[in-house]
Structures are given as structure tokens and as C-alpha cells.
Protein backbone atom coordinates (compact mmCIF):
# COMPACT_ATOMS: atom_id res chain seq x y z
CA MET A 1 23.09 -28.26 21.61
CA LYS A 2 20.39 -25.62 21.62
CA VAL A 3 18.93 -24.00 24.70
CA LEU A 4 15.78 -21.99 25.38
CA MET A 5 16.28 -18.81 27.38
CA PHE A 6 13.38 -17.18 29.21
CA VAL A 7 13.82 -13.57 30.30
CA THR A 8 11.12 -11.64 32.14
CA LEU A 9 11.70 -7.90 32.53
CA ASP A 10 9.78 -4.89 33.74
CA HIS A 11 8.58 -2.92 30.73
CA VAL A 12 10.69 0.23 31.08
CA PRO A 13 12.76 2.24 28.57
CA ALA A 14 15.97 0.38 29.52
CA SER A 15 14.39 -3.00 28.70
CA GLU A 16 13.09 -1.65 25.38
CA GLN A 17 16.62 -0.49 24.56
CA LEU A 18 17.96 -3.95 25.43
CA ILE A 19 15.47 -5.60 23.05
CA ARG A 20 16.45 -3.19 20.25
CA SER A 21 20.12 -3.91 20.87
CA LEU A 22 19.62 -7.69 20.86
CA SER A 23 17.66 -7.46 17.62
CA LYS A 24 20.43 -5.43 15.96
CA GLU A 25 22.91 -8.11 17.04
CA GLY A 26 20.84 -10.74 15.24
CA TYR A 27 19.01 -12.36 18.14
CA ASN A 28 15.48 -13.39 17.32
CA GLY A 29 12.76 -14.59 19.64
CA THR A 30 9.23 -14.13 20.84
CA ILE A 31 8.03 -11.48 23.27
CA ILE A 32 4.73 -11.80 25.08
CA PRO A 33 3.15 -9.40 27.59
CA THR A 34 2.98 -11.02 31.03
CA GLU A 35 1.72 -10.13 34.49
CA GLY A 36 3.19 -10.93 37.87
CA MET A 37 1.12 -12.90 40.36
CA HIS A 38 1.11 -9.89 42.70
CA HIS A 39 -0.88 -7.99 40.07
CA VAL A 40 -3.26 -10.78 39.10
CA PHE A 41 -4.06 -12.10 42.57
CA PRO A 42 -6.23 -9.15 43.69
CA GLN A 43 -8.41 -9.69 40.61
CA LEU A 44 -9.01 -13.27 41.71
CA SER A 45 -10.00 -12.37 45.27
CA ASP A 46 -13.15 -13.68 46.86
CA SER A 47 -16.04 -11.88 45.15
CA ARG A 48 -18.00 -11.88 48.43
CA SER A 49 -15.48 -9.54 49.99
CA LYS A 50 -16.53 -5.90 50.20
CA ALA A 51 -12.91 -4.73 50.17
CA VAL A 52 -11.68 -3.05 47.01
CA SER A 53 -8.12 -3.67 45.88
CA LEU A 54 -6.23 -0.66 44.56
CA ALA A 55 -4.53 -2.96 42.02
CA ALA A 56 -7.96 -3.92 40.67
CA LEU A 57 -8.73 -0.24 40.10
CA THR A 58 -5.70 0.11 37.84
CA ASP A 59 -6.61 -2.61 35.31
CA ASP A 60 -6.28 -0.14 32.45
CA ILE A 61 -2.68 0.62 33.44
CA PRO A 62 -0.19 -1.75 31.74
CA SER A 63 1.01 -4.46 34.10
CA GLY A 64 4.53 -3.56 33.23
CA ASN A 65 6.43 -6.65 32.18
CA PHE A 66 7.08 -8.97 29.29
CA THR A 67 8.69 -12.36 28.75
CA LEU A 68 11.21 -12.99 26.01
CA PHE A 69 11.86 -16.51 24.65
CA ILE A 70 15.05 -17.07 22.64
CA VAL A 71 16.33 -20.35 21.19
CA LEU A 72 20.10 -20.21 20.73
CA GLU A 73 23.23 -22.31 20.59
CA GLU A 74 24.59 -23.17 24.02
CA LYS A 75 27.99 -21.75 23.03
CA ASP A 76 26.35 -18.30 22.61
CA LEU A 77 24.53 -18.40 25.95
CA GLU A 78 27.12 -16.80 28.24
CA LYS A 79 27.54 -13.77 25.95
CA LEU A 80 23.78 -13.16 25.90
CA GLN A 81 23.48 -13.62 29.65
CA GLU A 82 26.25 -11.07 30.21
CA GLU A 83 24.53 -8.55 27.92
CA ILE A 84 21.29 -8.95 29.85
CA ARG A 85 23.06 -8.69 33.22
CA SER A 86 24.87 -5.56 32.04
CA ALA A 87 21.74 -3.87 30.65
CA THR A 88 19.73 -4.61 33.80
CA VAL A 89 22.62 -4.03 36.23
CA ASN A 90 22.18 -7.59 37.48
CA PHE A 91 18.40 -7.06 37.61
CA GLN A 92 18.75 -4.12 40.00
CA LYS A 93 18.03 -1.32 37.48
CA VAL A 94 15.48 -3.34 35.52
CA LYS A 95 13.66 -5.87 37.69
CA GLY A 96 13.19 -9.35 36.32
CA GLY A 97 15.00 -12.63 35.92
CA MET A 98 16.14 -15.26 33.46
CA PHE A 99 16.51 -19.02 33.25
CA VAL A 100 17.58 -21.51 30.60
CA LEU A 101 16.36 -24.98 29.59
CA PRO A 102 17.99 -27.51 27.26
CA VAL A 103 16.13 -28.14 23.99
CA SER A 104 16.28 -31.60 22.43
CA CYS A 105 14.61 -30.72 19.12
CA VAL A 106 13.97 -27.51 17.19
CA GLU A 107 12.10 -27.18 13.90
CA GLY A 108 11.19 -24.05 12.02
CA PHE A 109 12.50 -20.53 12.29
CA PHE A 110 12.24 -18.38 15.40
């Protein structure tokens, strides 16, 4: 059975090194830039408010995270999870998280 792993990590040098390492090991997936709700929410604030959010003033600064999607065989899951835990020091060195969903059908190449 195949599974879909989602991993969201702060965009820091350690997470870039992890992605390079996973690629060298043959993992393939999709990476998209993402933003946490804490960064987006101030931009959605009530426009009638006269208060200025400091987060809104830093729009040109990268939000700082990305989400990785990887489809893999369930038998390979634990090894990948351990590599991610090790590289992030259980998400203490590199903030983020991961979760996995079962996949009933996969077509194409990822």
C-alpha cells in the first residue's frame, strides 16, 4: 500500500540539507512554499482598524516554511520518518510537523 506523507518545515539551512539528503537517497516529491496562519492572519485583519501589524510590514520577508509531499510505499515510511526526526531533532531544531495518509490509487510519476 502507498501512503502520502506531508512534512511542513521552517525554511532554514538544516531543512534545506534534509531535502538535499532525501533527494540523494532517491526520494521524490513536491515542495511548495507555505505560510503559517500566524503570519497570514494579520493581513486579513479588519481594514477599518487603524492599528498596524508588524507582521504586515514584513510582507517582503519570506514567510519561512515549506510543505513537502511524498508518495511512498508504507514499508519505507518508518525509515523516512526517522530521518526527518533525526534531522529536525524531533522538530525542536527545525520547527514543523508531519502526518501521513493512506493512498488508494496512484497514477503517474512523482
